[in-house]
Amino acid sequence: MNILKTAILDMCRRNKNSFFPAVNVIRQMFPMDWKAFIPELQEVLISMHKDGELEMDQTIDQGILTEDIKIRCLSKPKS
């Protein structure tokens, strides 16, 4: 499993059923240069959304992930 997807699922577990900013995942993993990982995060989020694993509070407009997009997992991630 992709480490970024694992980190997203872990943050979903910690946030229960609440929406949270998607960029918080990479901010936690890479505090100094998190912006460099936005394309990878975007790719994983789109894949997880298509697979029905998570919900986004807005769409990724024109392929650009903005800092204010919030996500939550649709099924309860395993601990």
Foldseek 3Di string as FASTA:
>chain_A
DDPLVVLVLVVLQVVPFDWDFLLVSLCVVPVPPSVVCQLVSLVVVVVCVVVQQKDWPDDCPPSHDDRPIIMHTPDRRDD
